[in-house]
Amino acid sequence: MRKIRVYVDTSVFGGTQDEEFAEESQRFFKQVQKGIFAVILSEQTLRELSRSPDSVQAVWQDLPPESVENIPIDDEVAELAYEYIMAKVLGEASIGDALHVAAATVDGADLILSWNFKHIVNFNRIRGFNSVNIRMGYRAMTILSPKEVSDEDEER
């Protein structure tokens, strides 16, 4: 069975250390350890993780190498991120968030996982990202929080 390829932004790693988000974040990474999901990390995520506390970096570093894909921020990704900004899906100050969504879209991830409810996991933003994606010839993206992908039945 093919692993579900999930683009994971920095908030999910940080969520493992946050009381509000720890349970679902940790459950997701346990599912990665079991081989259910493959984690996609972009250069943007790795840049952000490099500035994170050691405990957050350890979550990333402890992932099985066969379950992690690293993808670049290339010209195609940068152009799509710029299109999100030009379409006012996000403001210029949120270019990092635009790069996350663009990298996942260009790579063809099955879904994006984030705790960033202001700029990524947000109904109006998702509609905006997908409008731009379709106009630019990409497919619509599924964007969820870890709470929405955790399957408590799998723990039984």
N, C-alpha and C. Protein backbone atom coordinates (compact mmCIF):
# COMPACT_ATOMS: atom_id res chain seq x y z
N MET A 1 0.84 -1.19 0.00
CA MET A 1 0.00 0.00 0.00
C MET A 1 0.89 1.25 0.00
N ARG A 2 0.54 2.20 -0.83
CA ARG A 2 1.29 3.45 -0.95
C ARG A 2 1.07 4.32 0.28
N LYS A 3 2.15 4.88 0.78
CA LYS A 3 2.05 5.81 1.91
C LYS A 3 1.37 7.09 1.44
N ILE A 4 0.61 7.68 2.32
CA ILE A 4 0.01 8.99 2.06
C ILE A 4 1.11 10.02 2.25
N ARG A 5 1.34 10.84 1.21
CA ARG A 5 2.42 11.83 1.23
C ARG A 5 1.88 13.14 1.80
N VAL A 6 2.39 13.50 2.97
CA VAL A 6 1.87 14.65 3.71
C VAL A 6 2.94 15.73 3.82
N TYR A 7 2.63 16.91 3.30
CA TYR A 7 3.51 18.07 3.51
C TYR A 7 3.23 18.56 4.92
N VAL A 8 4.27 18.59 5.76
CA VAL A 8 4.13 18.98 7.16
C VAL A 8 4.87 20.29 7.37
N ASP A 9 4.13 21.30 7.84
CA ASP A 9 4.82 22.57 8.12
C ASP A 9 5.36 22.56 9.55
N THR A 10 6.08 23.57 9.89
CA THR A 10 6.80 23.65 11.16
C THR A 10 5.87 23.60 12.36
N SER A 11 4.65 24.11 12.21
CA SER A 11 3.73 24.16 13.34
C SER A 11 3.39 22.77 13.88
N VAL A 12 3.42 21.76 13.03
CA VAL A 12 3.09 20.41 13.47
C VAL A 12 4.22 19.85 14.33
N PHE A 13 5.46 20.14 13.95
CA PHE A 13 6.60 19.73 14.77
C PHE A 13 6.55 20.46 16.11
N GLY A 14 6.33 21.76 16.07
CA GLY A 14 6.23 22.55 17.30
C GLY A 14 5.04 22.13 18.14
N GLY A 15 3.99 21.67 17.48
CA GLY A 15 2.79 21.23 18.19
C GLY A 15 3.04 20.08 19.15
N THR A 16 4.08 19.30 18.88
CA THR A 16 4.39 18.19 19.78
C THR A 16 4.80 18.67 21.17
N GLN A 17 5.20 19.95 21.25
CA GLN A 17 5.68 20.53 22.51
C GLN A 17 4.66 21.50 23.12
N ASP A 18 3.48 21.59 22.53
CA ASP A 18 2.47 22.55 22.96
C ASP A 18 1.30 21.77 23.58
N GLU A 19 0.94 22.12 24.79
CA GLU A 19 -0.11 21.39 25.50
C GLU A 19 -1.39 21.24 24.68
N GLU A 20 -1.77 22.31 23.97
CA GLU A 20 -3.02 22.29 23.21
C GLU A 20 -2.96 21.34 22.01
N PHE A 21 -1.79 21.19 21.39
CA PHE A 21 -1.68 20.44 20.14
C PHE A 21 -0.86 19.15 20.25
N ALA A 22 -0.30 18.88 21.42
CA ALA A 22 0.66 17.78 21.57
C ALA A 22 0.05 16.41 21.24
N GLU A 23 -1.12 16.12 21.76
CA GLU A 23 -1.68 14.78 21.58
C GLU A 23 -1.84 14.41 20.10
N GLU A 24 -2.47 15.28 19.34
CA GLU A 24 -2.70 14.98 17.92
C GLU A 24 -1.41 15.03 17.11
N SER A 25 -0.52 15.96 17.44
CA SER A 25 0.77 16.03 16.72
C SER A 25 1.57 14.77 16.96
N GLN A 26 1.66 14.35 18.22
CA GLN A 26 2.41 13.14 18.53
C GLN A 26 1.77 11.90 17.91
N ARG A 27 0.45 11.85 17.88
CA ARG A 27 -0.24 10.72 17.24
C ARG A 27 0.11 10.66 15.76
N PHE A 28 0.12 11.82 15.10
CA PHE A 28 0.48 11.84 13.68
C PHE A 28 1.89 11.28 13.48
N PHE A 29 2.86 11.75 14.26
CA PHE A 29 4.23 11.28 14.08
C PHE A 29 4.39 9.79 14.43
N LYS A 30 3.56 9.27 15.33
CA LYS A 30 3.56 7.82 15.58
C LYS A 30 3.08 7.07 14.33
N GLN A 31 2.10 7.65 13.64
CA GLN A 31 1.62 7.03 12.41
C GLN A 31 2.69 7.07 11.32
N VAL A 32 3.50 8.12 11.32
CA VAL A 32 4.64 8.18 10.40
C VAL A 32 5.61 7.05 10.74
N GLN A 33 5.90 6.89 12.02
CA GLN A 33 6.81 5.82 12.46
C GLN A 33 6.30 4.44 12.03
N LYS A 34 4.97 4.27 11.99
CA LYS A 34 4.37 2.99 11.60
C LYS A 34 4.34 2.81 10.08
N GLY A 35 4.70 3.85 9.33
CA GLY A 35 4.73 3.74 7.87
C GLY A 35 3.43 4.08 7.18
N ILE A 36 2.49 4.69 7.88
CA ILE A 36 1.21 5.07 7.28
C ILE A 36 1.37 6.32 6.42
N PHE A 37 2.19 7.26 6.89
CA PHE A 37 2.39 8.51 6.19
C PHE A 37 3.87 8.70 5.83
N ALA A 38 4.11 9.37 4.71
CA ALA A 38 5.44 9.87 4.36
C ALA A 38 5.39 11.38 4.57
N VAL A 39 6.41 11.92 5.20
CA VAL A 39 6.48 13.35 5.49
C VAL A 39 7.28 14.05 4.40
N ILE A 40 6.71 15.11 3.86
CA ILE A 40 7.40 15.93 2.87
C ILE A 40 7.84 17.21 3.57
N LEU A 41 9.13 17.50 3.46
CA LEU A 41 9.71 18.70 4.06
C LEU A 41 10.33 19.55 2.96
N SER A 42 9.99 20.82 2.95
CA SER A 42 10.61 21.73 1.98
C SER A 42 11.79 22.44 2.63
N GLU A 43 12.56 23.11 1.80
CA GLU A 43 13.66 23.93 2.31
C GLU A 43 13.12 24.98 3.28
N GLN A 44 11.91 25.47 3.05
CA GLN A 44 11.31 26.46 3.95
C GLN A 44 11.09 25.85 5.34
N THR A 45 10.55 24.64 5.39
CA THR A 45 10.33 23.98 6.67
C THR A 45 11.65 23.73 7.38
N LEU A 46 12.64 23.26 6.64
CA LEU A 46 13.95 22.98 7.25
C LEU A 46 14.60 24.26 7.79
N ARG A 47 14.44 25.38 7.06
CA ARG A 47 14.96 26.67 7.55
C ARG A 47 14.30 27.03 8.88
N GLU A 48 12.98 26.90 8.92
CA GLU A 48 12.25 27.24 10.14
C GLU A 48 12.60 26.29 11.28
N LEU A 49 12.72 25.00 10.98
CA LEU A 49 13.08 24.03 12.01
C LEU A 49 14.47 24.30 12.58
N SER A 50 15.38 24.80 11.74
CA SER A 50 16.75 25.06 12.21
C SER A 50 16.78 26.14 13.29
N ARG A 51 15.72 26.96 13.35
CA ARG A 51 15.63 28.02 14.36
C ARG A 51 14.76 27.60 15.55
N SER A 52 14.32 26.35 15.55
CA SER A 52 13.43 25.85 16.60
C SER A 52 14.22 25.29 17.77
N PRO A 53 13.56 25.16 18.92
CA PRO A 53 14.23 24.54 20.07
C PRO A 53 14.67 23.10 19.74
N ASP A 54 15.67 22.64 20.45
CA ASP A 54 16.20 21.29 20.23
C ASP A 54 15.12 20.22 20.33
N SER A 55 14.17 20.38 21.25
CA SER A 55 13.11 19.38 21.42
C SER A 55 12.23 19.27 20.17
N VAL A 56 12.03 20.38 19.47
CA VAL A 56 11.26 20.37 18.23
C VAL A 56 12.09 19.76 17.11
N GLN A 57 13.35 20.13 17.02
CA GLN A 57 14.23 19.56 16.01
C GLN A 57 14.36 18.05 16.17
N ALA A 58 14.34 17.57 17.40
CA ALA A 58 14.47 16.13 17.66
C ALA A 58 13.33 15.34 17.03
N VAL A 59 12.13 15.91 16.98
CA VAL A 59 10.99 15.22 16.37
C VAL A 59 11.29 14.94 14.90
N TRP A 60 11.78 15.95 14.21
CA TRP A 60 12.13 15.80 12.79
C TRP A 60 13.29 14.82 12.62
N GLN A 61 14.31 14.96 13.44
CA GLN A 61 15.50 14.12 13.30
C GLN A 61 15.24 12.66 13.65
N ASP A 62 14.20 12.39 14.44
CA ASP A 62 13.88 11.01 14.83
C ASP A 62 12.98 10.30 13.83
N LEU A 63 12.56 10.99 12.78
CA LEU A 63 11.71 10.33 11.78
C LEU A 63 12.52 9.31 10.99
N PRO A 64 11.90 8.18 10.62
CA PRO A 64 12.63 7.20 9.81
C PRO A 64 12.99 7.81 8.45
N PRO A 65 14.26 7.74 8.05
CA PRO A 65 14.68 8.35 6.79
C PRO A 65 13.86 7.91 5.58
N GLU A 66 13.38 6.67 5.60
CA GLU A 66 12.60 6.18 4.46
C GLU A 66 11.19 6.80 4.42
N SER A 67 10.81 7.52 5.47
CA SER A 67 9.50 8.16 5.51
C SER A 67 9.58 9.66 5.33
N VAL A 68 10.74 10.17 4.92
CA VAL A 68 10.91 11.61 4.76
C VAL A 68 11.39 11.92 3.34
N GLU A 69 10.72 12.88 2.71
CA GLU A 69 11.13 13.39 1.40
C GLU A 69 11.46 14.87 1.55
N ASN A 70 12.61 15.28 1.06
CA ASN A 70 12.99 16.69 1.08
C ASN A 70 12.78 17.26 -0.32
N ILE A 71 12.13 18.41 -0.38
CA ILE A 71 11.88 19.03 -1.68
C ILE A 71 12.42 20.46 -1.69
N PRO A 72 12.85 20.93 -2.86
CA PRO A 72 13.44 22.27 -2.94
C PRO A 72 12.38 23.38 -3.07
N ILE A 73 12.83 24.57 -2.78
CA ILE A 73 12.07 25.78 -3.12
C ILE A 73 12.71 26.28 -4.42
N ASP A 74 12.15 25.87 -5.53
CA ASP A 74 12.72 26.26 -6.82
C ASP A 74 11.90 27.40 -7.44
N ASP A 75 12.24 27.76 -8.66
CA ASP A 75 11.56 28.88 -9.32
C ASP A 75 10.06 28.64 -9.47
N GLU A 76 9.66 27.41 -9.75
CA GLU A 76 8.24 27.09 -9.92
C GLU A 76 7.48 27.30 -8.61
N VAL A 77 8.07 26.87 -7.51
CA VAL A 77 7.46 27.06 -6.19
C VAL A 77 7.38 28.55 -5.85
N ALA A 78 8.47 29.28 -6.09
CA ALA A 78 8.49 30.72 -5.78
C ALA A 78 7.46 31.47 -6.62
N GLU A 79 7.30 31.08 -7.88
CA GLU A 79 6.31 31.73 -8.74
C GLU A 79 4.90 31.50 -8.24
N LEU A 80 4.59 30.27 -7.84
CA LEU A 80 3.25 29.98 -7.34
C LEU A 80 3.00 30.72 -6.02
N ALA A 81 3.98 30.78 -5.14
CA ALA A 81 3.84 31.53 -3.89
C ALA A 81 3.56 33.01 -4.19
N TYR A 82 4.27 33.54 -5.18
CA TYR A 82 4.06 34.94 -5.59
C TYR A 82 2.63 35.13 -6.09
N GLU A 83 2.11 34.15 -6.82
CA GLU A 83 0.73 34.24 -7.32
C GLU A 83 -0.27 34.30 -6.16
N TYR A 84 0.00 33.56 -5.08
CA TYR A 84 -0.89 33.64 -3.90
C TYR A 84 -0.88 35.04 -3.33
N ILE A 85 0.30 35.65 -3.28
CA ILE A 85 0.42 37.01 -2.75
C ILE A 85 -0.29 38.00 -3.68
N MET A 86 -0.06 37.87 -4.98
CA MET A 86 -0.69 38.78 -5.95
C MET A 86 -2.22 38.66 -5.93
N ALA A 87 -2.72 37.46 -5.66
CA ALA A 87 -4.17 37.24 -5.60
C ALA A 87 -4.74 37.63 -4.23
N LYS A 88 -3.87 38.10 -3.35
CA LYS A 88 -4.24 38.55 -2.01
C LYS A 88 -4.81 37.42 -1.14
N VAL A 89 -4.39 36.20 -1.43
CA VAL A 89 -4.73 35.09 -0.55
C VAL A 89 -4.00 35.30 0.77
N LEU A 90 -2.75 35.76 0.68
CA LEU A 90 -1.92 36.11 1.83
C LEU A 90 -1.24 37.44 1.55
N GLY A 91 -0.87 38.15 2.60
CA GLY A 91 -0.11 39.37 2.44
C GLY A 91 1.37 39.06 2.25
N GLU A 92 2.12 40.04 1.79
CA GLU A 92 3.56 39.85 1.53
C GLU A 92 4.33 39.38 2.76
N ALA A 93 3.90 39.79 3.95
CA ALA A 93 4.60 39.38 5.17
C ALA A 93 4.46 37.88 5.43
N SER A 94 3.52 37.24 4.76
CA SER A 94 3.28 35.80 4.97
C SER A 94 3.87 34.95 3.84
N ILE A 95 4.95 35.42 3.23
CA ILE A 95 5.57 34.70 2.12
C ILE A 95 6.01 33.29 2.55
N GLY A 96 6.45 33.12 3.77
CA GLY A 96 6.84 31.79 4.24
C GLY A 96 5.68 30.80 4.18
N ASP A 97 4.51 31.25 4.60
CA ASP A 97 3.33 30.39 4.53
C ASP A 97 2.94 30.11 3.08
N ALA A 98 3.07 31.11 2.22
CA ALA A 98 2.79 30.91 0.80
C ALA A 98 3.75 29.88 0.21
N LEU A 99 5.01 29.92 0.63
CA LEU A 99 5.99 28.94 0.14
C LEU A 99 5.65 27.52 0.59
N HIS A 100 5.13 27.38 1.80
CA HIS A 100 4.72 26.05 2.27
C HIS A 100 3.65 25.47 1.34
N VAL A 101 2.62 26.25 1.10
CA VAL A 101 1.50 25.76 0.28
C VAL A 101 1.97 25.53 -1.16
N ALA A 102 2.75 26.43 -1.69
CA ALA A 102 3.23 26.28 -3.06
C ALA A 102 4.12 25.06 -3.21
N ALA A 103 5.01 24.82 -2.25
CA ALA A 103 5.91 23.67 -2.33
C ALA A 103 5.10 22.37 -2.33
N ALA A 104 4.12 22.28 -1.46
CA ALA A 104 3.28 21.08 -1.39
C ALA A 104 2.50 20.89 -2.69
N THR A 105 1.99 21.99 -3.23
CA THR A 105 1.20 21.93 -4.46
C THR A 105 2.05 21.49 -5.63
N VAL A 106 3.19 22.13 -5.83
CA VAL A 106 4.06 21.80 -6.96
C VAL A 106 4.55 20.36 -6.85
N ASP A 107 4.84 19.91 -5.64
CA ASP A 107 5.32 18.54 -5.44
C ASP A 107 4.22 17.50 -5.62
N GLY A 108 2.96 17.90 -5.53
CA GLY A 108 1.87 16.94 -5.67
C GLY A 108 1.58 16.17 -4.40
N ALA A 109 1.80 16.79 -3.24
CA ALA A 109 1.50 16.15 -1.96
C ALA A 109 0.04 15.75 -1.90
N ASP A 110 -0.25 14.70 -1.15
CA ASP A 110 -1.65 14.28 -0.97
C ASP A 110 -2.41 15.26 -0.08
N LEU A 111 -1.70 15.84 0.89
CA LEU A 111 -2.33 16.84 1.74
C LEU A 111 -1.28 17.66 2.45
N ILE A 112 -1.73 18.80 2.96
CA ILE A 112 -0.90 19.68 3.78
C ILE A 112 -1.42 19.59 5.20
N LEU A 113 -0.51 19.45 6.15
CA LEU A 113 -0.87 19.37 7.55
C LEU A 113 -0.26 20.56 8.28
N SER A 114 -1.10 21.28 9.03
CA SER A 114 -0.63 22.49 9.72
C SER A 114 -1.54 22.80 10.89
N TRP A 115 -0.98 23.50 11.87
CA TRP A 115 -1.77 24.07 12.97
C TRP A 115 -1.94 25.58 12.74
N ASN A 116 -1.50 26.10 11.62
CA ASN A 116 -1.57 27.53 11.36
C ASN A 116 -2.96 27.89 10.83
N PHE A 117 -3.87 28.15 11.78
CA PHE A 117 -5.26 28.43 11.41
C PHE A 117 -5.46 29.82 10.83
N LYS A 118 -4.53 30.70 11.04
CA LYS A 118 -4.66 32.06 10.51
C LYS A 118 -4.30 32.12 9.03
N HIS A 119 -3.22 31.47 8.62
CA HIS A 119 -2.73 31.63 7.25
C HIS A 119 -2.83 30.39 6.36
N ILE A 120 -3.07 29.21 6.93
CA ILE A 120 -3.06 28.01 6.09
C ILE A 120 -4.35 27.20 6.25
N VAL A 121 -4.64 26.72 7.46
CA VAL A 121 -5.84 25.89 7.69
C VAL A 121 -6.99 26.85 8.00
N ASN A 122 -7.49 27.45 6.97
CA ASN A 122 -8.48 28.52 7.10
C ASN A 122 -9.36 28.46 5.84
N PHE A 123 -10.66 28.35 6.03
CA PHE A 123 -11.58 28.14 4.91
C PHE A 123 -11.37 29.12 3.76
N ASN A 124 -11.33 30.39 4.06
CA ASN A 124 -11.19 31.39 2.99
C ASN A 124 -9.82 31.31 2.32
N ARG A 125 -8.78 31.07 3.10
CA ARG A 125 -7.44 30.94 2.51
C ARG A 125 -7.37 29.69 1.63
N ILE A 126 -7.92 28.58 2.10
CA ILE A 126 -7.91 27.34 1.31
C ILE A 126 -8.62 27.58 -0.02
N ARG A 127 -9.74 28.24 0.02
CA ARG A 127 -10.46 28.57 -1.24
C ARG A 127 -9.56 29.41 -2.14
N GLY A 128 -8.86 30.38 -1.56
CA GLY A 128 -7.97 31.23 -2.35
C GLY A 128 -6.80 30.46 -2.94
N PHE A 129 -6.14 29.64 -2.11
CA PHE A 129 -5.04 28.82 -2.62
C PHE A 129 -5.51 27.96 -3.78
N ASN A 130 -6.65 27.31 -3.60
CA ASN A 130 -7.12 26.39 -4.63
C ASN A 130 -7.60 27.10 -5.88
N SER A 131 -8.13 28.30 -5.73
CA SER A 131 -8.50 29.09 -6.90
C SER A 131 -7.26 29.41 -7.74
N VAL A 132 -6.20 29.84 -7.07
CA VAL A 132 -4.94 30.13 -7.77
C VAL A 132 -4.37 28.84 -8.36
N ASN A 133 -4.38 27.76 -7.58
CA ASN A 133 -3.84 26.49 -8.08
C ASN A 133 -4.52 26.08 -9.38
N ILE A 134 -5.83 26.12 -9.40
CA ILE A 134 -6.56 25.69 -10.59
C ILE A 134 -6.27 26.62 -11.76
N ARG A 135 -6.27 27.93 -11.50
CA ARG A 135 -5.97 28.90 -12.56
C ARG A 135 -4.58 28.67 -13.14
N MET A 136 -3.64 28.23 -12.29
CA MET A 136 -2.25 28.04 -12.73
C MET A 136 -1.98 26.61 -13.24
N GLY A 137 -3.02 25.78 -13.29
CA GLY A 137 -2.87 24.43 -13.85
C GLY A 137 -2.49 23.35 -12.84
N TYR A 138 -2.62 23.64 -11.57
CA TYR A 138 -2.35 22.65 -10.53
C TYR A 138 -3.68 22.13 -10.00
N ARG A 139 -3.62 21.07 -9.22
CA ARG A 139 -4.85 20.55 -8.63
C ARG A 139 -5.12 21.25 -7.29
N ALA A 140 -6.35 21.16 -6.86
CA ALA A 140 -6.73 21.70 -5.55
C ALA A 140 -6.05 20.87 -4.47
N MET A 141 -5.67 21.53 -3.39
CA MET A 141 -5.00 20.86 -2.27
C MET A 141 -5.97 20.62 -1.12
N THR A 142 -5.76 19.51 -0.44
CA THR A 142 -6.45 19.24 0.81
C THR A 142 -5.55 19.76 1.92
N ILE A 143 -6.11 20.61 2.77
CA ILE A 143 -5.35 21.22 3.87
C ILE A 143 -6.11 20.94 5.16
N LEU A 144 -5.43 20.26 6.10
CA LEU A 144 -6.06 19.84 7.35
C LEU A 144 -5.14 20.13 8.54
N SER A 145 -5.71 20.02 9.73
CA SER A 145 -4.90 20.03 10.96
C SER A 145 -4.66 18.57 11.35
N PRO A 146 -3.66 18.31 12.19
CA PRO A 146 -3.42 16.94 12.64
C PRO A 146 -4.65 16.31 13.33
N LYS A 147 -5.47 17.13 13.94
CA LYS A 147 -6.68 16.62 14.60
C LYS A 147 -7.58 15.90 13.60
N GLU A 148 -7.57 16.37 12.37
CA GLU A 148 -8.46 15.81 11.34
C GLU A 148 -7.90 14.55 10.68
N VAL A 149 -6.63 14.24 10.90
CA VAL A 149 -6.07 13.02 10.30
C VAL A 149 -5.77 11.95 11.33
N SER A 150 -5.87 12.28 12.60
CA SER A 150 -5.59 11.26 13.60
C SER A 150 -6.74 10.27 13.62
N ASP A 151 -6.40 9.00 13.58
CA ASP A 151 -7.40 7.95 13.59
C ASP A 151 -7.25 7.18 14.88
N GLU A 152 -8.06 7.49 15.85
CA GLU A 152 -7.94 6.86 17.15
C GLU A 152 -8.15 5.35 17.06
N ASP A 153 -8.92 4.89 16.09
CA ASP A 153 -9.14 3.44 15.93
C ASP A 153 -7.84 2.73 15.60
N GLU A 154 -6.89 3.40 14.96
CA GLU A 154 -5.63 2.78 14.61
C GLU A 154 -4.81 2.45 15.84
N GLU A 155 -5.06 3.12 16.94
CA GLU A 155 -4.32 2.87 18.17
C GLU A 155 -4.81 1.58 18.83
N ARG A 156 -5.96 1.09 18.44
CA ARG A 156 -6.54 -0.12 19.06
C ARG A 156 -6.09 -1.36 18.36
